[in-house]
N, C-alpha and C. Protein backbone atom coordinates (compact mmCIF):
# COMPACT_ATOMS: atom_id res chain seq x y z
N MET A 1 93.66 79.91 87.46
CA MET A 1 92.52 80.36 88.32
C MET A 1 91.58 79.32 88.75
N VAL A 2 91.31 79.30 90.03
CA VAL A 2 90.56 78.24 90.65
C VAL A 2 89.03 78.83 90.81
N ARG A 3 88.17 78.17 90.36
CA ARG A 3 86.76 78.65 90.60
C ARG A 3 85.92 77.72 91.50
N ARG A 4 85.37 78.14 92.58
CA ARG A 4 84.64 77.40 93.39
C ARG A 4 83.20 77.30 92.88
N ALA A 5 82.74 76.08 92.78
CA ALA A 5 81.25 75.90 92.35
C ALA A 5 80.36 76.34 93.41
N ARG A 6 79.40 77.22 93.23
CA ARG A 6 78.45 77.69 94.14
C ARG A 6 77.31 76.60 94.35
N SER A 7 77.03 76.34 95.43
CA SER A 7 75.85 75.20 95.85
C SER A 7 74.71 75.95 95.39
N LYS A 8 73.63 75.26 95.19
CA LYS A 8 72.31 75.79 94.70
C LYS A 8 71.85 76.61 95.85
N GLY A 9 71.94 76.32 97.10
CA GLY A 9 71.39 76.92 98.08
C GLY A 9 72.01 78.10 98.56
N SER A 10 73.29 78.50 98.02
CA SER A 10 74.10 79.64 98.62
C SER A 10 73.70 80.92 97.82
N VAL A 11 74.04 81.96 98.54
CA VAL A 11 73.72 83.38 98.11
C VAL A 11 75.05 84.05 98.03
N SER A 12 75.31 84.86 96.98
CA SER A 12 76.57 85.55 96.93
C SER A 12 76.51 86.77 97.85
N ALA A 13 77.72 87.37 98.16
CA ALA A 13 77.64 88.69 98.91
C ALA A 13 77.10 89.85 98.25
N SER A 14 77.25 89.88 97.12
CA SER A 14 76.64 90.74 96.25
C SER A 14 75.08 90.80 96.29
N ALA A 15 74.62 89.61 96.29
CA ALA A 15 73.02 89.43 96.26
C ALA A 15 72.51 89.72 97.71
N LEU A 16 73.44 89.45 98.93
CA LEU A 16 72.93 89.76 100.06
C LEU A 16 72.94 91.35 100.36
N SER A 17 73.90 91.99 99.74
CA SER A 17 73.91 93.46 99.84
C SER A 17 72.85 93.99 99.16
N GLN A 18 72.45 93.51 97.89
CA GLN A 18 71.46 94.04 97.07
C GLN A 18 70.02 93.88 97.79
N MET A 19 69.90 92.73 98.62
CA MET A 19 68.74 92.50 99.28
C MET A 19 68.46 93.71 100.24
N GLY A 20 69.43 94.17 100.81
CA GLY A 20 69.35 95.32 101.85
C GLY A 20 68.78 96.73 101.03
N VAL A 21 69.16 96.73 99.74
CA VAL A 21 68.90 97.95 99.14
C VAL A 21 67.42 97.73 98.49
N CYS A 22 67.21 96.61 97.75
CA CYS A 22 65.98 96.55 96.92
C CYS A 22 65.54 95.04 96.96
N GLU A 23 64.78 94.71 97.86
CA GLU A 23 64.31 93.35 98.02
C GLU A 23 63.38 92.91 96.73
N ARG A 24 62.63 93.81 96.27
CA ARG A 24 61.79 93.63 94.97
C ARG A 24 62.60 93.10 93.84
N LEU A 25 63.80 93.95 93.58
CA LEU A 25 64.63 93.59 92.54
C LEU A 25 65.25 92.35 92.62
N VAL A 26 65.56 91.96 93.88
CA VAL A 26 66.13 90.57 94.04
C VAL A 26 65.08 89.46 93.77
N VAL A 27 63.93 89.62 94.09
CA VAL A 27 62.87 88.62 93.87
C VAL A 27 62.60 88.61 92.34
N PHE A 28 62.44 89.76 91.64
CA PHE A 28 62.34 89.85 90.27
C PHE A 28 63.42 89.14 89.46
N GLN A 29 64.64 89.49 89.79
CA GLN A 29 65.80 88.77 89.10
C GLN A 29 65.68 87.22 89.42
N HIS A 30 65.29 86.80 90.60
CA HIS A 30 65.29 85.44 90.81
C HIS A 30 64.27 84.71 89.87
N ARG A 31 63.05 85.40 89.66
CA ARG A 31 62.16 84.74 88.85
C ARG A 31 62.46 84.98 87.39
N GLU A 32 62.94 86.08 86.89
CA GLU A 32 63.04 86.31 85.45
C GLU A 32 64.56 86.31 85.09
N GLY A 33 65.45 86.15 85.91
CA GLY A 33 66.86 85.99 85.48
C GLY A 33 67.47 87.37 85.52
N LYS A 34 68.70 87.57 85.77
CA LYS A 34 69.36 88.81 85.73
C LYS A 34 69.70 89.20 84.29
N ARG A 35 69.52 90.33 83.82
CA ARG A 35 69.95 90.65 82.49
C ARG A 35 70.88 91.86 82.65
N LEU A 36 72.02 91.63 82.00
CA LEU A 36 73.00 92.72 82.09
C LEU A 36 72.82 93.62 80.98
N THR A 37 73.03 94.88 81.21
CA THR A 37 73.19 95.91 80.07
C THR A 37 74.38 95.70 79.19
N ARG A 38 74.40 96.40 78.08
CA ARG A 38 75.55 96.34 77.16
C ARG A 38 76.81 96.81 77.89
N ASN A 39 76.58 97.91 78.67
CA ASN A 39 77.77 98.54 79.42
C ASN A 39 78.28 97.56 80.50
N GLN A 40 77.37 96.97 81.17
CA GLN A 40 77.77 95.96 82.20
C GLN A 40 78.51 94.78 81.55
N LYS A 41 78.00 94.31 80.50
CA LYS A 41 78.60 93.13 79.78
C LYS A 41 80.09 93.47 79.28
N THR A 42 80.28 94.76 78.82
CA THR A 42 81.46 95.18 78.47
C THR A 42 82.47 95.55 79.71
N ALA A 43 81.87 95.99 80.72
CA ALA A 43 82.74 96.13 81.87
C ALA A 43 83.19 94.71 82.38
N LEU A 44 82.27 93.81 82.39
CA LEU A 44 82.65 92.39 82.93
C LEU A 44 83.62 91.75 82.00
N ARG A 45 83.68 91.94 80.69
CA ARG A 45 84.55 91.31 79.88
C ARG A 45 85.95 92.00 80.11
N ARG A 46 85.89 93.38 80.18
CA ARG A 46 87.12 94.00 80.56
C ARG A 46 87.78 93.78 81.78
N GLY A 47 86.89 93.56 82.87
CA GLY A 47 87.48 92.95 84.20
C GLY A 47 88.02 91.69 84.08
N LEU A 48 87.44 90.83 83.51
CA LEU A 48 87.78 89.36 83.37
C LEU A 48 89.19 89.38 82.54
N GLN A 49 89.25 90.18 81.56
CA GLN A 49 90.45 90.30 80.63
C GLN A 49 91.68 90.83 81.47
N ALA A 50 91.39 91.76 82.37
CA ALA A 50 92.37 92.46 83.18
C ALA A 50 92.81 91.45 84.17
N HIS A 51 91.92 90.68 84.66
CA HIS A 51 92.27 89.82 85.78
C HIS A 51 93.17 88.51 85.06
N ARG A 52 92.85 88.13 83.94
CA ARG A 52 93.71 87.15 83.29
C ARG A 52 95.04 87.67 83.04
N GLN A 53 95.13 88.87 82.49
CA GLN A 53 96.49 89.55 82.25
C GLN A 53 97.16 89.52 83.59
N PHE A 54 96.58 90.05 84.71
CA PHE A 54 97.22 90.25 86.02
C PHE A 54 97.83 88.86 86.51
N ALA A 55 96.82 87.90 86.28
CA ALA A 55 97.36 86.55 86.77
C ALA A 55 98.47 85.95 85.90
N SER A 56 98.49 86.17 84.79
CA SER A 56 99.64 85.53 83.77
C SER A 56 100.93 86.41 84.05
N GLU A 57 100.78 87.70 84.38
CA GLU A 57 102.08 88.37 84.75
C GLU A 57 102.53 88.56 86.25
N ALA A 58 101.66 87.68 86.92
CA ALA A 58 101.76 87.83 88.43
C ALA A 58 103.13 87.27 89.09
N SER A 59 103.93 86.44 88.38
CA SER A 59 105.04 85.92 88.83
C SER A 59 106.07 85.80 87.85
N CYS A 60 107.37 85.86 88.23
CA CYS A 60 108.51 85.73 87.33
C CYS A 60 108.71 84.15 87.22
N GLN A 61 109.25 83.70 86.24
CA GLN A 61 109.62 82.36 86.03
C GLN A 61 110.80 82.08 87.04
N GLY A 62 110.88 80.81 87.53
CA GLY A 62 112.08 80.48 88.32
C GLY A 62 111.69 80.53 89.89
N ALA A 63 112.67 80.52 90.58
CA ALA A 63 112.50 80.35 92.04
C ALA A 63 113.26 81.49 92.75
N SER A 64 113.07 81.83 94.09
CA SER A 64 113.81 82.80 94.76
C SER A 64 115.08 82.18 95.21
N THR A 65 115.98 83.01 95.76
CA THR A 65 117.35 82.61 96.09
C THR A 65 117.35 81.42 97.17
N ASP A 66 116.22 81.31 97.98
CA ASP A 66 116.37 80.08 98.86
C ASP A 66 115.64 78.95 98.40
N GLY A 67 115.19 78.78 97.01
CA GLY A 67 114.85 77.66 96.50
C GLY A 67 113.17 77.66 96.33
N ARG A 68 112.57 78.42 97.07
CA ARG A 68 111.14 78.48 96.96
C ARG A 68 110.69 79.03 95.75
N ARG A 69 109.51 78.79 95.18
CA ARG A 69 109.01 79.65 93.99
C ARG A 69 108.63 80.95 94.40
N ALA A 70 109.11 81.84 93.48
CA ALA A 70 109.04 83.27 93.74
C ALA A 70 107.52 83.51 93.60
N GLY A 71 107.05 84.62 94.35
CA GLY A 71 105.78 85.00 94.18
C GLY A 71 105.68 86.02 93.18
N ARG A 72 104.94 87.30 93.38
CA ARG A 72 104.93 88.50 92.46
C ARG A 72 106.25 88.96 92.52
N CYS A 73 107.05 88.83 91.52
CA CYS A 73 108.38 89.09 91.45
C CYS A 73 108.62 90.47 90.71
N PHE A 74 108.87 91.47 91.26
CA PHE A 74 109.17 92.76 90.77
C PHE A 74 110.68 93.04 90.88
N ILE A 75 111.08 93.97 90.15
CA ILE A 75 112.44 94.55 89.96
C ILE A 75 113.20 94.68 91.40
N ALA A 76 112.46 95.43 92.23
CA ALA A 76 113.11 95.72 93.48
C ALA A 76 113.29 94.44 94.33
N THR A 77 112.33 93.58 94.36
CA THR A 77 112.47 92.29 95.12
C THR A 77 113.46 91.38 94.35
N HIS A 78 113.48 91.58 93.03
CA HIS A 78 114.44 90.71 92.26
C HIS A 78 115.90 91.11 92.59
N VAL A 79 116.12 92.33 92.74
CA VAL A 79 117.35 92.83 93.01
C VAL A 79 117.94 92.75 94.44
N PHE A 80 117.10 93.28 95.34
CA PHE A 80 117.29 93.39 96.77
C PHE A 80 116.83 92.32 97.59
N GLY A 81 115.87 91.36 97.10
CA GLY A 81 115.28 90.46 97.93
C GLY A 81 114.21 91.19 98.86
N GLU A 82 113.81 90.53 99.99
CA GLU A 82 112.96 91.18 100.81
C GLU A 82 113.54 91.95 102.07
N GLY A 83 114.74 92.55 101.63
CA GLY A 83 115.49 93.33 102.58
C GLY A 83 114.93 94.61 102.95
N PRO A 84 115.77 95.41 103.68
CA PRO A 84 115.44 96.75 103.92
C PRO A 84 115.24 97.75 102.86
N GLN A 85 116.06 97.59 101.80
CA GLN A 85 115.96 98.43 100.57
C GLN A 85 114.47 98.19 99.90
N THR A 86 114.10 96.97 99.72
CA THR A 86 112.74 96.74 99.20
C THR A 86 111.68 97.36 100.08
N ARG A 87 111.69 97.23 101.39
CA ARG A 87 110.74 97.66 102.29
C ARG A 87 110.66 99.32 102.13
N LEU A 88 111.78 99.93 102.17
CA LEU A 88 112.03 101.33 101.91
C LEU A 88 111.31 101.80 100.59
N LEU A 89 111.75 101.14 99.55
CA LEU A 89 110.97 101.40 98.21
C LEU A 89 109.48 101.34 98.29
N ARG A 90 108.99 100.23 98.88
CA ARG A 90 107.49 100.19 99.16
C ARG A 90 106.92 101.28 99.95
N ARG A 91 107.60 101.71 101.03
CA ARG A 91 107.19 102.77 101.77
C ARG A 91 107.23 104.03 100.90
N PHE A 92 108.14 104.40 100.21
CA PHE A 92 108.09 105.49 99.23
C PHE A 92 106.92 105.46 98.29
N ARG A 93 106.69 104.25 97.74
CA ARG A 93 105.58 104.12 96.93
C ARG A 93 104.27 104.41 97.50
N ASP A 94 104.17 104.00 98.83
CA ASP A 94 102.87 104.00 99.52
C ASP A 94 102.68 105.57 99.99
N GLN A 95 103.82 106.10 100.54
CA GLN A 95 103.55 107.55 101.23
C GLN A 95 103.79 108.59 100.15
N PHE A 96 104.31 108.31 99.01
CA PHE A 96 104.64 109.54 98.09
C PHE A 96 103.95 109.28 96.72
N LEU A 97 104.16 108.22 96.25
CA LEU A 97 103.81 108.00 94.76
C LEU A 97 102.13 107.87 94.60
N ARG A 98 101.59 107.21 95.48
CA ARG A 98 100.10 107.02 95.55
C ARG A 98 99.34 108.15 95.85
N GLN A 99 99.97 109.20 96.26
CA GLN A 99 99.32 110.38 96.66
C GLN A 99 98.83 111.26 95.70
N GLY A 100 99.46 111.17 94.37
CA GLY A 100 99.15 111.87 93.29
C GLY A 100 98.79 111.26 91.95
N ARG A 101 98.24 111.64 91.14
CA ARG A 101 97.82 111.17 89.96
C ARG A 101 99.02 110.68 89.07
N THR A 102 100.04 111.45 89.05
CA THR A 102 101.32 111.10 88.22
C THR A 102 101.93 109.88 88.88
N GLY A 103 102.01 109.93 90.24
CA GLY A 103 102.64 108.88 90.89
C GLY A 103 101.93 107.56 90.75
N ARG A 104 100.52 107.56 90.69
CA ARG A 104 99.78 106.35 90.50
C ARG A 104 99.86 105.86 89.04
N LEU A 105 100.03 106.77 88.13
CA LEU A 105 100.31 106.41 86.75
C LEU A 105 101.67 105.62 86.60
N LEU A 106 102.76 106.08 87.33
CA LEU A 106 104.01 105.63 87.42
C LEU A 106 104.04 104.17 88.04
N ILE A 107 103.15 104.05 89.00
CA ILE A 107 103.10 102.63 89.64
C ILE A 107 102.44 101.78 88.77
N LEU A 108 101.44 102.27 87.95
CA LEU A 108 100.72 101.28 86.95
C LEU A 108 101.71 100.91 85.87
N ALA A 109 102.52 101.87 85.47
CA ALA A 109 103.49 101.57 84.31
C ALA A 109 104.49 100.51 84.91
N TYR A 110 105.03 100.79 86.19
CA TYR A 110 105.95 99.87 86.77
C TYR A 110 105.28 98.49 86.96
N TYR A 111 104.03 98.21 87.36
CA TYR A 111 103.49 97.02 87.42
C TYR A 111 103.35 96.25 86.02
N ARG A 112 103.17 97.00 84.99
CA ARG A 112 102.99 96.26 83.75
C ARG A 112 104.42 95.92 83.13
N VAL A 113 105.38 96.69 83.38
CA VAL A 113 106.78 96.52 82.80
C VAL A 113 107.59 95.61 83.64
N ALA A 114 107.40 95.71 85.01
CA ALA A 114 108.42 94.93 85.98
C ALA A 114 108.39 93.41 85.76
N PRO A 115 107.38 92.67 85.54
CA PRO A 115 107.38 91.34 85.40
C PRO A 115 108.28 90.91 84.12
N ARG A 116 108.11 91.70 83.00
CA ARG A 116 108.97 91.34 81.78
C ARG A 116 110.34 91.66 82.10
N VAL A 117 110.81 92.75 82.77
CA VAL A 117 112.09 93.13 83.09
C VAL A 117 112.64 91.96 83.78
N CYS A 118 111.98 91.39 84.78
CA CYS A 118 112.46 90.26 85.68
C CYS A 118 112.73 89.18 84.77
N ARG A 119 111.73 88.81 83.95
CA ARG A 119 112.11 87.72 83.07
C ARG A 119 113.42 87.89 82.15
N VAL A 120 113.47 89.11 81.71
CA VAL A 120 114.72 89.45 80.86
C VAL A 120 115.99 89.40 81.73
N MET A 121 115.96 89.80 82.91
CA MET A 121 117.15 89.77 83.74
C MET A 121 117.51 88.28 84.15
N GLU A 122 116.51 87.39 84.16
CA GLU A 122 116.84 85.99 84.36
C GLU A 122 117.42 85.34 83.20
N ARG A 123 117.09 85.88 82.08
CA ARG A 123 117.65 85.23 80.77
C ARG A 123 118.93 85.86 80.43
N SER A 124 119.23 87.09 80.74
CA SER A 124 120.40 87.59 80.32
C SER A 124 121.15 88.40 81.49
N PRO A 125 122.31 87.68 81.78
CA PRO A 125 123.06 88.23 82.87
C PRO A 125 123.57 89.60 82.70
N ILE A 126 123.93 89.92 81.60
CA ILE A 126 124.40 91.26 81.26
C ILE A 126 123.33 92.34 81.49
N ILE A 127 122.17 92.14 81.00
CA ILE A 127 120.96 92.98 81.33
C ILE A 127 120.77 93.09 82.72
N GLY A 128 120.72 91.83 83.49
CA GLY A 128 120.53 91.76 84.80
C GLY A 128 121.49 92.65 85.61
N ALA A 129 122.77 92.59 85.20
CA ALA A 129 123.80 93.47 86.01
C ALA A 129 123.53 94.92 85.89
N ALA A 130 123.07 95.30 84.51
CA ALA A 130 122.90 96.71 84.23
C ALA A 130 121.67 97.28 85.04
N VAL A 131 120.69 96.42 85.09
CA VAL A 131 119.48 96.79 85.91
C VAL A 131 119.85 96.96 87.37
N ARG A 132 120.66 95.96 87.90
CA ARG A 132 121.01 95.99 89.30
C ARG A 132 121.90 97.26 89.63
N ALA A 133 122.82 97.56 88.66
CA ALA A 133 123.64 98.78 88.68
C ALA A 133 122.56 99.99 88.77
N LEU A 134 121.66 100.04 88.01
CA LEU A 134 120.81 101.26 88.11
C LEU A 134 119.88 101.27 89.34
N MET A 135 119.59 100.11 89.76
CA MET A 135 118.71 100.20 90.98
C MET A 135 119.52 100.42 92.32
N ARG A 136 120.75 99.96 92.36
CA ARG A 136 121.40 100.24 93.74
C ARG A 136 121.47 101.56 94.29
N PRO A 137 121.54 102.67 93.53
CA PRO A 137 121.40 104.03 94.32
C PRO A 137 119.98 104.41 94.68
N LEU A 138 118.99 103.83 94.20
CA LEU A 138 117.53 104.23 94.51
C LEU A 138 117.23 104.21 95.87
N PRO A 139 117.56 103.13 96.74
CA PRO A 139 117.04 103.28 98.17
C PRO A 139 117.95 104.38 98.91
N TRP A 140 119.14 104.56 98.50
CA TRP A 140 120.04 105.60 99.11
C TRP A 140 119.32 107.01 98.82
N LEU A 141 118.94 107.08 97.62
CA LEU A 141 118.27 108.47 97.30
C LEU A 141 117.03 108.70 97.89
N VAL A 142 116.08 107.69 98.03
CA VAL A 142 114.86 107.73 98.65
C VAL A 142 114.91 107.97 100.00
N GLU A 143 115.92 107.41 100.73
CA GLU A 143 116.09 107.61 102.11
C GLU A 143 116.39 109.12 102.56
N ARG A 144 117.02 109.66 101.54
CA ARG A 144 117.42 111.13 101.80
C ARG A 144 116.27 112.11 101.42
N LEU A 145 115.11 111.65 101.03
CA LEU A 145 114.00 112.55 100.77
C LEU A 145 113.35 113.09 102.08
N PRO A 146 112.86 114.19 102.06
CA PRO A 146 112.15 114.60 103.34
C PRO A 146 110.94 113.75 103.56
N GLY A 147 110.86 113.39 104.88
CA GLY A 147 109.76 112.47 105.23
C GLY A 147 110.18 111.13 105.29
N MET A 148 111.33 110.67 104.69
CA MET A 148 111.79 109.36 104.63
C MET A 148 112.93 109.07 105.45
N GLN A 149 113.48 109.96 106.09
CA GLN A 149 114.56 109.89 107.05
C GLN A 149 114.26 108.90 108.24
N GLY A 150 115.17 108.05 108.59
CA GLY A 150 114.83 107.10 109.71
C GLY A 150 114.01 106.08 109.24
N ALA A 151 113.69 105.83 107.87
CA ALA A 151 112.81 104.78 107.54
C ALA A 151 113.46 103.41 107.51
N GLY A 152 114.63 103.35 107.70
CA GLY A 152 115.36 102.14 107.75
C GLY A 152 116.80 102.36 107.25
N HIS A 153 117.73 101.87 107.90
CA HIS A 153 119.18 102.09 107.42
C HIS A 153 119.51 101.36 106.18
N VAL A 154 119.90 101.95 105.29
CA VAL A 154 120.20 101.37 103.97
C VAL A 154 121.62 101.51 103.68
N ASP A 155 122.55 100.42 103.58
CA ASP A 155 123.86 100.60 103.08
C ASP A 155 124.11 100.68 101.75
């Protein structure tokens, strides 16, 4: 994680927005220092921990098929690359899964598990082949759902 040092004369975007809400609070905090409540400190720690976890799981080890370092490598991208199947599955995620609470929970679970699955697939060709076999029919099935017809031809 790269942190940019803030120059002494700069003002954060949060401080600018706060100035529009309550100028007196900004002046008080400037003189006395900003004091966080216990809940704010807990939320800050939780947020920083979640960010560190997200950054550590952000990419699979290794490179993509064209030799460049892989970015955020999830199972569909690992199996299909950046092809029409992956775009179709992303569209399904955005149009259907994100609409409901259960779908959003499935997405969160996928984001937590998928980087680990990608790493296991890279280490074990047998598991990689099994995951690929399980993934192959998904785009075909998704394309046949109502509202997904014509989303892109998948062979």
